[in-house]
């Protein structure tokens, strides 16, 4: 069966491996066959977060033909914190529901 393994070491960089594996192979076997750990040794130091077609999976996940196994990197900033920071820099009157207001109207209405 044909499997694609994808990893993004940095933003806007994607590395993909096309693999031929026997039927019943797992995500862990796909990782071993690809050689991704040799190319990116920092992956071995941390706990891997994997997914198959965007859905969370473990190393023991049995793969099907044409599956795409993805290795996820950890988030650098919590999305809630990032949104809060953007909101603070943009200000209340320039974002979201408050971007447009009628002349003479109260803020937030």
PDB file of N, CA and C in Angstrom:
ATOM      1  N   UNK A   1       0.835  -1.181   0.000  1.00  0.00           N
ATOM      2  CA  UNK A   1       0.000   0.000   0.000  1.00  0.00           C
ATOM      3  C   UNK A   1       0.879   1.243   0.000  1.00  0.00           C
ATOM      4  N   UNK A   2       0.361   2.320  -0.550  1.00  0.00           N
ATOM      5  CA  UNK A   2       1.110   3.568  -0.658  1.00  0.00           C
ATOM      6  C   UNK A   2       0.687   4.514   0.460  1.00  0.00           C
ATOM      7  N   UNK A   3       1.687   5.041   1.153  1.00  0.00           N
ATOM      8  CA  UNK A   3       1.470   5.945   2.283  1.00  0.00           C
ATOM      9  C   UNK A   3       2.291   7.204   2.048  1.00  0.00           C
ATOM     10  N   UNK A   4       1.758   8.345   2.462  1.00  0.00           N
ATOM     11  CA  UNK A   4       2.507   9.598   2.437  1.00  0.00           C
ATOM     12  C   UNK A   4       2.716  10.038   3.873  1.00  0.00           C
ATOM     13  N   UNK A   5       3.955  10.378   4.201  1.00  0.00           N
ATOM     14  CA  UNK A   5       4.294  10.887   5.526  1.00  0.00           C
ATOM     15  C   UNK A   5       4.678  12.348   5.364  1.00  0.00           C
ATOM     16  N   UNK A   6       4.097  13.236   6.169  1.00  0.00           N
ATOM     17  CA  UNK A   6       4.346  14.671   6.046  1.00  0.00           C
ATOM     18  C   UNK A   6       4.793  15.247   7.388  1.00  0.00           C
ATOM     19  N   UNK A   7       5.777  16.146   7.304  1.00  0.00           N
ATOM     20  CA  UNK A   7       6.262  16.853   8.490  1.00  0.00           C
ATOM     21  C   UNK A   7       6.645  18.261   8.082  1.00  0.00           C
ATOM     22  N   UNK A   8       6.279  19.230   8.921  1.00  0.00           N
ATOM     23  CA  UNK A   8       6.619  20.620   8.667  1.00  0.00           C
ATOM     24  C   UNK A   8       7.574  21.083   9.766  1.00  0.00           C
ATOM     25  N   UNK A   9       8.889  21.140   9.476  1.00  0.00           N
ATOM     26  CA  UNK A   9       9.835  21.537  10.518  1.00  0.00           C
ATOM     27  C   UNK A   9       9.739  23.010  10.913  1.00  0.00           C
ATOM     28  N   UNK A  10       9.234  23.847  10.022  1.00  0.00           N
ATOM     29  CA  UNK A  10       9.098  25.281  10.293  1.00  0.00           C
ATOM     30  C   UNK A  10       7.916  25.803   9.486  1.00  0.00           C
ATOM     31  N   UNK A  11       7.416  26.991   9.812  1.00  0.00           N
ATOM     32  CA  UNK A  11       6.307  27.547   9.035  1.00  0.00           C
ATOM     33  C   UNK A  11       6.652  27.640   7.546  1.00  0.00           C
ATOM     34  N   UNK A  12       5.694  27.297   6.722  1.00  0.00           N
ATOM     35  CA  UNK A  12       5.802  27.349   5.260  1.00  0.00           C
ATOM     36  C   UNK A  12       6.851  26.399   4.685  1.00  0.00           C
ATOM     37  N   UNK A  13       7.243  25.398   5.452  1.00  0.00           N
ATOM     38  CA  UNK A  13       8.146  24.357   4.970  1.00  0.00           C
ATOM     39  C   UNK A  13       7.498  23.015   5.228  1.00  0.00           C
ATOM     40  N   UNK A  14       7.340  22.211   4.181  1.00  0.00           N
ATOM     41  CA  UNK A  14       6.737  20.895   4.328  1.00  0.00           C
ATOM     42  C   UNK A  14       7.649  19.875   3.666  1.00  0.00           C
ATOM     43  N   UNK A  15       7.911  18.815   4.378  1.00  0.00           N
ATOM     44  CA  UNK A  15       8.722  17.712   3.846  1.00  0.00           C
ATOM     45  C   UNK A  15       7.824  16.495   3.768  1.00  0.00           C
ATOM     46  N   UNK A  16       7.765  15.837   2.613  1.00  0.00           N
ATOM     47  CA  UNK A  16       6.905  14.670   2.420  1.00  0.00           C
ATOM     48  C   UNK A  16       7.720  13.477   1.953  1.00  0.00           C
ATOM     49  N   UNK A  17       7.328  12.309   2.421  1.00  0.00           N
ATOM     50  CA  UNK A  17       7.928  11.054   2.004  1.00  0.00           C
ATOM     51  C   UNK A  17       6.827  10.169   1.438  1.00  0.00           C
ATOM     52  N   UNK A  18       7.047   9.561   0.289  1.00  0.00           N
ATOM     53  CA  UNK A  18       6.124   8.579  -0.294  1.00  0.00           C
ATOM     54  C   UNK A  18       6.686   7.202   0.021  1.00  0.00           C
ATOM     55  N   UNK A  19       5.882   6.366   0.642  1.00  0.00           N
ATOM     56  CA  UNK A  19       6.335   5.055   1.105  1.00  0.00           C
ATOM     57  C   UNK A  19       5.485   3.944   0.519  1.00  0.00           C
ATOM     58  N   UNK A  20       6.099   2.800   0.273  1.00  0.00           N
ATOM     59  CA  UNK A  20       5.422   1.567  -0.110  1.00  0.00           C
ATOM     60  C   UNK A  20       5.549   0.630   1.082  1.00  0.00           C
ATOM     61  N   UNK A  21       4.450   0.314   1.735  1.00  0.00           N
ATOM     62  CA  UNK A  21       4.461  -0.543   2.913  1.00  0.00           C
ATOM     63  C   UNK A  21       3.537  -1.739   2.708  1.00  0.00           C
ATOM     64  N   UNK A  22       3.809  -2.845   3.410  1.00  0.00           N
ATOM     65  CA  UNK A  22       2.905  -3.995   3.308  1.00  0.00           C
ATOM     66  C   UNK A  22       1.564  -3.703   3.992  1.00  0.00           C
ATOM     67  N   UNK A  23       0.542  -4.435   3.621  1.00  0.00           N
ATOM     68  CA  UNK A  23      -0.787  -4.271   4.221  1.00  0.00           C
ATOM     69  C   UNK A  23      -0.725  -4.503   5.725  1.00  0.00           C
ATOM     70  N   UNK A  24      -1.495  -3.734   6.470  1.00  0.00           N
ATOM     71  CA  UNK A  24      -1.550  -3.883   7.916  1.00  0.00           C
ATOM     72  C   UNK A  24      -0.450  -3.150   8.650  1.00  0.00           C
ATOM     73  N   UNK A  25       0.309  -2.323   7.963  1.00  0.00           N
ATOM     74  CA  UNK A  25       1.377  -1.557   8.611  1.00  0.00           C
ATOM     75  C   UNK A  25       0.789  -0.482   9.518  1.00  0.00           C
ATOM     76  N   UNK A  26       1.570  -0.081  10.515  1.00  0.00           N
ATOM     77  CA  UNK A  26       1.114   0.937  11.462  1.00  0.00           C
ATOM     78  C   UNK A  26       1.834   2.262  11.207  1.00  0.00           C
ATOM     79  N   UNK A  27       1.377   3.288  11.878  1.00  0.00           N
ATOM     80  CA  UNK A  27       2.001   4.603  11.747  1.00  0.00           C
ATOM     81  C   UNK A  27       3.437   4.563  12.245  1.00  0.00           C
ATOM     82  N   UNK A  28       3.708   3.792  13.283  1.00  0.00           N
ATOM     83  CA  UNK A  28       5.070   3.653  13.800  1.00  0.00           C
ATOM     84  C   UNK A  28       5.999   3.010  12.781  1.00  0.00           C
ATOM     85  N   UNK A  29       5.495   2.031  12.054  1.00  0.00           N
ATOM     86  CA  UNK A  29       6.299   1.386  11.014  1.00  0.00           C
ATOM     87  C   UNK A  29       6.554   2.348   9.859  1.00  0.00           C
ATOM     88  N   UNK A  30       5.593   3.202   9.560  1.00  0.00           N
ATOM     89  CA  UNK A  30       5.776   4.204   8.509  1.00  0.00           C
ATOM     90  C   UNK A  30       6.864   5.203   8.913  1.00  0.00           C
ATOM     91  N   UNK A  31       6.879   5.608  10.184  1.00  0.00           N
ATOM     92  CA  UNK A  31       7.926   6.503  10.677  1.00  0.00           C
ATOM     93  C   UNK A  31       9.305   5.864  10.541  1.00  0.00           C
ATOM     94  N   UNK A  32       9.392   4.587  10.919  1.00  0.00           N
ATOM     95  CA  UNK A  32      10.673   3.890  10.849  1.00  0.00           C
ATOM     96  C   UNK A  32      11.135   3.733   9.401  1.00  0.00           C
ATOM     97  N   UNK A  33      10.220   3.431   8.501  1.00  0.00           N
ATOM     98  CA  UNK A  33      10.573   3.210   7.097  1.00  0.00           C
ATOM     99  C   UNK A  33      10.981   4.500   6.396  1.00  0.00           C
ATOM    100  N   UNK A  34      10.471   5.623   6.852  1.00  0.00           N
ATOM    101  CA  UNK A  34      10.741   6.891   6.165  1.00  0.00           C
ATOM    102  C   UNK A  34      12.129   7.445   6.470  1.00  0.00           C
ATOM    103  N   UNK A  35      12.660   7.158   7.641  1.00  0.00           N
ATOM    104  CA  UNK A  35      13.947   7.725   8.040  1.00  0.00           C
ATOM    105  C   UNK A  35      13.834   9.152   8.538  1.00  0.00           C
ATOM    106  N   UNK A  36      12.641   9.570   8.912  1.00  0.00           N
ATOM    107  CA  UNK A  36      12.418  10.937   9.374  1.00  0.00           C
ATOM    108  C   UNK A  36      13.192  11.228  10.659  1.00  0.00           C
ATOM    109  N   UNK A  37      13.364  10.219  11.519  1.00  0.00           N
ATOM    110  CA  UNK A  37      14.082  10.429  12.786  1.00  0.00           C
ATOM    111  C   UNK A  37      15.563  10.708  12.546  1.00  0.00           C
ATOM    112  N   UNK A  38      16.123  10.132  11.497  1.00  0.00           N
ATOM    113  CA  UNK A  38      17.529  10.387  11.184  1.00  0.00           C
ATOM    114  C   UNK A  38      17.708  11.787  10.609  1.00  0.00           C
ATOM    115  N   UNK A  39      16.736  12.225   9.810  1.00  0.00           N
ATOM    116  CA  UNK A  39      16.823  13.547   9.189  1.00  0.00           C
ATOM    117  C   UNK A  39      16.520  14.675  10.173  1.00  0.00           C
ATOM    118  N   UNK A  40      15.591  14.411  11.101  1.00  0.00           N
ATOM    119  CA  UNK A  40      15.205  15.414  12.107  1.00  0.00           C
ATOM    120  C   UNK A  40      15.356  14.799  13.504  1.00  0.00           C
ATOM    121  N   UNK A  41      16.572  14.796  14.057  1.00  0.00           N
ATOM    122  CA  UNK A  41      16.803  14.144  15.357  1.00  0.00           C
ATOM    123  C   UNK A  41      16.048  14.791  16.519  1.00  0.00           C
ATOM    124  N   UNK A  42      15.608  16.038  16.365  1.00  0.00           N
ATOM    125  CA  UNK A  42      14.859  16.689  17.446  1.00  0.00           C
ATOM    126  C   UNK A  42      13.516  16.007  17.701  1.00  0.00           C
ATOM    127  N   UNK A  43      13.011  15.236  16.738  1.00  0.00           N
ATOM    128  CA  UNK A  43      11.745  14.529  16.915  1.00  0.00           C
ATOM    129  C   UNK A  43      11.870  13.398  17.933  1.00  0.00           C
ATOM    130  N   UNK A  44      13.051  12.795  18.007  1.00  0.00           N
ATOM    131  CA  UNK A  44      13.257  11.674  18.930  1.00  0.00           C
ATOM    132  C   UNK A  44      13.238  12.135  20.385  1.00  0.00           C
ATOM    133  N   UNK A  45      13.581  13.387  20.628  1.00  0.00           N
ATOM    134  CA  UNK A  45      13.668  13.900  21.992  1.00  0.00           C
ATOM    135  C   UNK A  45      12.311  14.216  22.615  1.00  0.00           C
ATOM    136  N   UNK A  46      11.292  14.363  21.803  1.00  0.00           N
ATOM    137  CA  UNK A  46       9.980  14.728  22.359  1.00  0.00           C
ATOM    138  C   UNK A  46       8.924  13.692  21.994  1.00  0.00           C
ATOM    139  N   UNK A  47       7.815  13.782  22.668  1.00  0.00           N
ATOM    140  CA  UNK A  47       6.700  12.882  22.397  1.00  0.00           C
ATOM    141  C   UNK A  47       6.021  13.334  21.114  1.00  0.00           C
ATOM    142  N   UNK A  48       5.859  12.405  20.174  1.00  0.00           N
ATOM    143  CA  UNK A  48       5.306  12.756  18.874  1.00  0.00           C
ATOM    144  C   UNK A  48       3.787  12.853  18.911  1.00  0.00           C
ATOM    145  N   UNK A  49       3.279  13.844  18.217  1.00  0.00           N
ATOM    146  CA  UNK A  49       1.838  13.975  17.996  1.00  0.00           C
ATOM    147  C   UNK A  49       1.611  13.639  16.528  1.00  0.00           C
ATOM    148  N   UNK A  50       0.839  12.587  16.279  1.00  0.00           N
ATOM    149  CA  UNK A  50       0.598  12.109  14.916  1.00  0.00           C
ATOM    150  C   UNK A  50      -0.863  12.231  14.564  1.00  0.00           C
ATOM    151  N   UNK A  51      -1.117  12.271  13.272  1.00  0.00           N
ATOM    152  CA  UNK A  51      -2.482  12.265  12.772  1.00  0.00           C
ATOM    153  C   UNK A  51      -2.525  11.581  11.421  1.00  0.00           C
ATOM    154  N   UNK A  52      -3.696  11.064  11.088  1.00  0.00           N
ATOM    155  CA  UNK A  52      -3.934  10.488   9.771  1.00  0.00           C
ATOM    156  C   UNK A  52      -5.046  11.300   9.142  1.00  0.00           C
ATOM    157  N   UNK A  53      -4.712  12.007   8.080  1.00  0.00           N
ATOM    158  CA  UNK A  53      -5.646  12.894   7.391  1.00  0.00           C
ATOM    159  C   UNK A  53      -6.269  13.903   8.361  1.00  0.00           C
ATOM    160  N   UNK A  54      -5.458  14.463   9.258  1.00  0.00           N
ATOM    161  CA  UNK A  54      -5.928  15.515  10.151  1.00  0.00           C
ATOM    162  C   UNK A  54      -6.635  15.034  11.399  1.00  0.00           C
ATOM    163  N   UNK A  55      -6.758  13.729  11.595  1.00  0.00           N
ATOM    164  CA  UNK A  55      -7.388  13.197  12.802  1.00  0.00           C
ATOM    165  C   UNK A  55      -6.318  12.554  13.666  1.00  0.00           C
ATOM    166  N   UNK A  56      -6.345  12.832  14.948  1.00  0.00           N
ATOM    167  CA  UNK A  56      -5.328  12.362  15.879  1.00  0.00           C
ATOM    168  C   UNK A  56      -5.207  10.843  15.827  1.00  0.00           C
ATOM    169  N   UNK A  57      -3.963  10.356  15.832  1.00  0.00           N
ATOM    170  CA  UNK A  57      -3.691   8.924  15.788  1.00  0.00           C
ATOM    171  C   UNK A  57      -2.454   8.628  16.618  1.00  0.00           C
ATOM    172  N   UNK A  58      -2.277   7.374  16.965  1.00  0.00           N
ATOM    173  CA  UNK A  58      -1.107   6.946  17.725  1.00  0.00           C
ATOM    174  C   UNK A  58      -0.159   6.151  16.847  1.00  0.00           C
ATOM    175  N   UNK A  59       0.954   5.722  17.440  1.00  0.00           N
ATOM    176  CA  UNK A  59       1.938   4.945  16.691  1.00  0.00           C
ATOM    177  C   UNK A  59       1.392   3.591  16.261  1.00  0.00           C
ATOM    178  N   UNK A  60       0.423   3.058  16.999  1.00  0.00           N
ATOM    179  CA  UNK A  60      -0.153   1.754  16.682  1.00  0.00           C
ATOM    180  C   UNK A  60      -1.307   1.790  15.694  1.00  0.00           C
ATOM    181  N   UNK A  61      -1.638   2.958  15.189  1.00  0.00           N
ATOM    182  CA  UNK A  61      -2.756   3.107  14.246  1.00  0.00           C
ATOM    183  C   UNK A  61      -2.459   2.313  12.968  1.00  0.00           C
ATOM    184  N   UNK A  62      -3.359   1.392  12.618  1.00  0.00           N
ATOM    185  CA  UNK A  62      -3.204   0.613  11.391  1.00  0.00           C
ATOM    186  C   UNK A  62      -3.603   1.492  10.212  1.00  0.00           C
ATOM    187  N   UNK A  63      -2.768   1.507   9.195  1.00  0.00           N
ATOM    188  CA  UNK A  63      -2.976   2.386   8.047  1.00  0.00           C
ATOM    189  C   UNK A  63      -3.667   1.676   6.904  1.00  0.00           C
ATOM    190  N   UNK A  64      -4.324   2.472   6.075  1.00  0.00           N
ATOM    191  CA  UNK A  64      -4.957   1.978   4.853  1.00  0.00           C
ATOM    192  C   UNK A  64      -4.207   2.529   3.657  1.00  0.00           C
ATOM    193  N   UNK A  65      -4.504   1.975   2.483  1.00  0.00           N
ATOM    194  CA  UNK A  65      -3.874   2.454   1.259  1.00  0.00           C
ATOM    195  C   UNK A  65      -4.230   3.925   1.033  1.00  0.00           C
ATOM    196  N   UNK A  66      -3.269   4.713   0.577  1.00  0.00           N
ATOM    197  CA  UNK A  66      -3.399   6.141   0.275  1.00  0.00           C
ATOM    198  C   UNK A  66      -3.570   7.025   1.503  1.00  0.00           C
ATOM    199  N   UNK A  67      -3.247   6.517   2.704  1.00  0.00           N
ATOM    200  CA  UNK A  67      -3.326   7.343   3.913  1.00  0.00           C
ATOM    201  C   UNK A  67      -2.187   8.363   3.926  1.00  0.00           C
ATOM    202  N   UNK A  68      -2.434   9.476   4.603  1.00  0.00           N
ATOM    203  CA  UNK A  68      -1.429  10.520   4.793  1.00  0.00           C
ATOM    204  C   UNK A  68      -1.192  10.637   6.293  1.00  0.00           C
ATOM    205  N   UNK A  69       0.003  10.264   6.729  1.00  0.00           N
ATOM    206  CA  UNK A  69       0.388  10.351   8.138  1.00  0.00           C
ATOM    207  C   UNK A  69       1.085  11.687   8.329  1.00  0.00           C
ATOM    208  N   UNK A  70       0.645  12.448   9.330  1.00  0.00           N
ATOM    209  CA  UNK A  70       1.186  13.781   9.580  1.00  0.00           C
ATOM    210  C   UNK A  70       1.819  13.825  10.961  1.00  0.00           C
ATOM    211  N   UNK A  71       3.006  14.415  11.038  1.00  0.00           N
ATOM    212  CA  UNK A  71       3.685  14.628  12.318  1.00  0.00           C
ATOM    213  C   UNK A  71       3.471  16.093  12.679  1.00  0.00           C
ATOM    214  N   UNK A  72       2.876  16.324  13.825  1.00  0.00           N
ATOM    215  CA  UNK A  72       2.566  17.686  14.245  1.00  0.00           C
ATOM    216  C   UNK A  72       3.646  18.227  15.158  1.00  0.00           C
ATOM    217  N   UNK A  73       3.993  19.502  14.984  1.00  0.00           N
ATOM    218  CA  UNK A  73       4.935  20.142  15.897  1.00  0.00           C
ATOM    219  C   UNK A  73       4.131  20.895  16.949  1.00  0.00           C
ATOM    220  N   UNK A  74       4.710  21.107  18.131  1.00  0.00           N
ATOM    221  CA  UNK A  74       3.959  21.795  19.190  1.00  0.00           C
ATOM    222  C   UNK A  74       3.735  23.265  18.844  1.00  0.00           C
ATOM    223  N   UNK A  75       2.664  23.819  19.377  1.00  0.00           N
ATOM    224  CA  UNK A  75       2.370  25.232  19.182  1.00  0.00           C
ATOM    225  C   UNK A  75       3.344  26.070  19.984  1.00  0.00           C
ATOM    226  N   UNK A  76       3.808  27.162  19.423  1.00  0.00           N
ATOM    227  CA  UNK A  76       4.719  28.052  20.144  1.00  0.00           C
ATOM    228  C   UNK A  76       3.953  28.993  21.058  1.00  0.00           C
ATOM    229  N   UNK A  77       2.752  29.358  20.645  1.00  0.00           N
ATOM    230  CA  UNK A  77       1.922  30.276  21.425  1.00  0.00           C
ATOM    231  C   UNK A  77       0.516  29.698  21.490  1.00  0.00           C
ATOM    232  N   UNK A  78      -0.085  29.777  22.662  1.00  0.00           N
ATOM    233  CA  UNK A  78      -1.462  29.342  22.811  1.00  0.00           C
ATOM    234  C   UNK A  78      -2.361  30.226  21.943  1.00  0.00           C
ATOM    235  N   UNK A  79      -3.255  29.644  21.132  1.00  0.00           N
ATOM    236  CA  UNK A  79      -4.099  30.460  20.255  1.00  0.00           C
ATOM    237  C   UNK A  79      -4.932  31.509  20.986  1.00  0.00           C
ATOM    238  N   UNK A  80      -5.375  31.200  22.198  1.00  0.00           N
ATOM    239  CA  UNK A  80      -6.151  32.185  22.966  1.00  0.00           C
ATOM    240  C   UNK A  80      -5.293  33.392  23.341  1.00  0.00           C
ATOM    241  N   UNK A  81      -4.055  33.131  23.718  1.00  0.00           N
ATOM    242  CA  UNK A  81      -3.144  34.217  24.083  1.00  0.00           C
ATOM    243  C   UNK A  81      -2.834  35.063  22.850  1.00  0.00           C
ATOM    244  N   UNK A  82      -2.594  34.417  21.704  1.00  0.00           N
ATOM    245  CA  UNK A  82      -2.291  35.145  20.472  1.00  0.00           C
ATOM    246  C   UNK A  82      -3.459  36.045  20.077  1.00  0.00           C
ATOM    247  N   UNK A  83      -4.679  35.538  20.186  1.00  0.00           N
ATOM    248  CA  UNK A  83      -5.853  36.344  19.840  1.00  0.00           C
ATOM    249  C   UNK A  83      -5.981  37.540  20.790  1.00  0.00           C
ATOM    250  N   UNK A  84      -5.758  37.292  22.058  1.00  0.00           N
ATOM    251  CA  UNK A  84      -5.840  38.368  23.047  1.00  0.00           C
ATOM    252  C   UNK A  84      -4.805  39.462  22.751  1.00  0.00           C
ATOM    253  N   UNK A  85      -3.601  39.065  22.383  1.00  0.00           N
ATOM    254  CA  UNK A  85      -2.549  40.032  22.055  1.00  0.00           C
ATOM    255  C   UNK A  85      -2.911  40.835  20.801  1.00  0.00           C
ATOM    256  N   UNK A  86      -3.435  40.162  19.771  1.00  0.00           N
ATOM    257  CA  UNK A  86      -3.866  40.875  18.565  1.00  0.00           C
ATOM    258  C   UNK A  86      -4.957  41.878  18.894  1.00  0.00           C
ATOM    259  N   UNK A  87      -5.894  41.477  19.726  1.00  0.00           N
ATOM    260  CA  UNK A  87      -6.987  42.356  20.116  1.00  0.00           C
ATOM    261  C   UNK A  87      -6.453  43.575  20.861  1.00  0.00           C
ATOM    262  N   UNK A  88      -5.477  43.374  21.745  1.00  0.00           N
ATOM    263  CA  UNK A  88      -4.898  44.490  22.506  1.00  0.00           C
ATOM    264  C   UNK A  88      -4.172  45.472  21.596  1.00  0.00           C
ATOM    265  N   UNK A  89      -3.492  44.997  20.575  1.00  0.00           N
ATOM    266  CA  UNK A  89      -2.762  45.906  19.686  1.00  0.00           C
ATOM    267  C   UNK A  89      -3.691  46.610  18.705  1.00  0.00           C
ATOM    268  N   UNK A  90      -4.750  45.928  18.255  1.00  0.00           N
ATOM    269  CA  UNK A  90      -5.672  46.543  17.303  1.00  0.00           C
ATOM    270  C   UNK A  90      -6.626  47.509  17.986  1.00  0.00           C
ATOM    271  N   UNK A  91      -6.940  47.213  19.205  1.00  0.00           N
ATOM    272  CA  UNK A  91      -7.871  48.066  19.928  1.00  0.00           C
ATOM    273  C   UNK A  91      -9.303  47.613  19.737  1.00  0.00           C
ATOM    274  N   UNK A  92     -10.127  48.006  20.651  1.00  0.00           N
ATOM    275  CA  UNK A  92     -11.514  47.572  20.673  1.00  0.00           C
ATOM    276  C   UNK A  92     -12.329  48.150  19.524  1.00  0.00           C
ATOM    277  N   UNK A  93     -12.024  49.324  19.075  1.00  0.00           N
ATOM    278  CA  UNK A  93     -12.858  49.998  18.088  1.00  0.00           C
ATOM    279  C   UNK A  93     -12.550  49.578  16.650  1.00  0.00           C
ATOM    280  N   UNK A  94     -11.479  48.833  16.452  1.00  0.00           N
ATOM    281  CA  UNK A  94     -11.092  48.487  15.089  1.00  0.00           C
ATOM    282  C   UNK A  94     -11.261  47.013  14.751  1.00  0.00           C
ATOM    283  N   UNK A  95     -11.803  46.203  15.659  1.00  0.00           N
ATOM    284  CA  UNK A  95     -11.886  44.773  15.384  1.00  0.00           C
ATOM    285  C   UNK A  95     -13.278  44.230  15.648  1.00  0.00           C
ATOM    286  N   UNK A  96     -13.589  43.147  14.963  1.00  0.00           N
ATOM    287  CA  UNK A  96     -14.817  42.402  15.204  1.00  0.00           C
ATOM    288  C   UNK A  96     -16.083  43.211  14.987  1.00  0.00           C
ATOM    289  N   UNK A  97     -16.992  43.090  15.932  1.00  0.00           N
ATOM    290  CA  UNK A  97     -18.296  43.742  15.848  1.00  0.00           C
ATOM    291  C   UNK A  97     -18.204  45.256  15.926  1.00  0.00           C
ATOM    292  N   UNK A  98     -17.093  45.752  16.449  1.00  0.00           N
ATOM    293  CA  UNK A  98     -16.962  47.179  16.688  1.00  0.00           C
ATOM    294  C   UNK A  98     -16.247  47.916  15.561  1.00  0.00           C
ATOM    295  N   UNK A  99     -15.936  47.213  14.478  1.00  0.00           N
ATOM    296  CA  UNK A  99     -15.172  47.820  13.389  1.00  0.00           C
ATOM    297  C   UNK A  99     -15.965  48.935  12.707  1.00  0.00           C
ATOM    298  N   UNK A 100     -17.271  48.741  12.518  1.00  0.00           N
ATOM    299  CA  UNK A 100     -18.093  49.766  11.871  1.00  0.00           C
ATOM    300  C   UNK A 100     -19.162  50.219  12.855  1.00  0.00           C
ATOM    301  N   UNK A 101     -19.346  51.504  12.968  1.00  0.00           N
ATOM    302  CA  UNK A 101     -20.434  51.963  13.826  1.00  0.00           C
ATOM    303  C   UNK A 101     -21.074  53.201  13.208  1.00  0.00           C
ATOM    304  N   UNK A 102     -22.316  53.395  13.537  1.00  0.00           N
ATOM    305  CA  UNK A 102     -23.053  54.557  13.035  1.00  0.00           C
ATOM    306  C   UNK A 102     -22.519  55.824  13.674  1.00  0.00           C
ATOM    307  N   UNK A 103     -22.595  56.897  12.967  1.00  0.00           N
ATOM    308  CA  UNK A 103     -22.188  58.197  13.521  1.00  0.00           C
ATOM    309  C   UNK A 103     -23.090  58.542  14.707  1.00  0.00           C
ATOM    310  N   UNK A 104     -22.494  58.878  15.821  1.00  0.00           N
ATOM    311  CA  UNK A 104     -23.264  59.262  17.004  1.00  0.00           C
ATOM    312  C   UNK A 104     -23.711  58.096  17.868  1.00  0.00           C
ATOM    313  N   UNK A 105     -23.397  56.839  17.485  1.00  0.00           N
ATOM    314  CA  UNK A 105     -23.829  55.682  18.251  1.00  0.00           C
ATOM    315  C   UNK A 105     -22.855  55.416  19.399  1.00  0.00           C
ATOM    316  N   UNK A 106     -23.355  54.720  20.425  1.00  0.00           N
ATOM    317  CA  UNK A 106     -22.501  54.350  21.552  1.00  0.00           C
ATOM    318  C   UNK A 106     -21.567  53.208  21.125  1.00  0.00           C
ATOM    319  N   UNK A 107     -20.414  53.102  21.761  1.00  0.00           N
ATOM    320  CA  UNK A 107     -19.472  52.032  21.469  1.00  0.00           C
ATOM    321  C   UNK A 107     -20.107  50.685  21.817  1.00  0.00           C
ATOM    322  N   UNK A 108     -19.981  49.717  20.942  1.00  0.00           N
ATOM    323  CA  UNK A 108     -20.528  48.383  21.189  1.00  0.00           C
ATOM    324  C   UNK A 108     -21.943  48.202  20.685  1.00  0.00           C
ATOM    325  N   UNK A 109     -22.526  49.228  20.076  1.00  0.00           N
ATOM    326  CA  UNK A 109     -23.892  49.097  19.562  1.00  0.00           C
ATOM    327  C   UNK A 109     -23.933  49.313  18.077  1.00  0.00           C
TER     328      UNK A 109
END
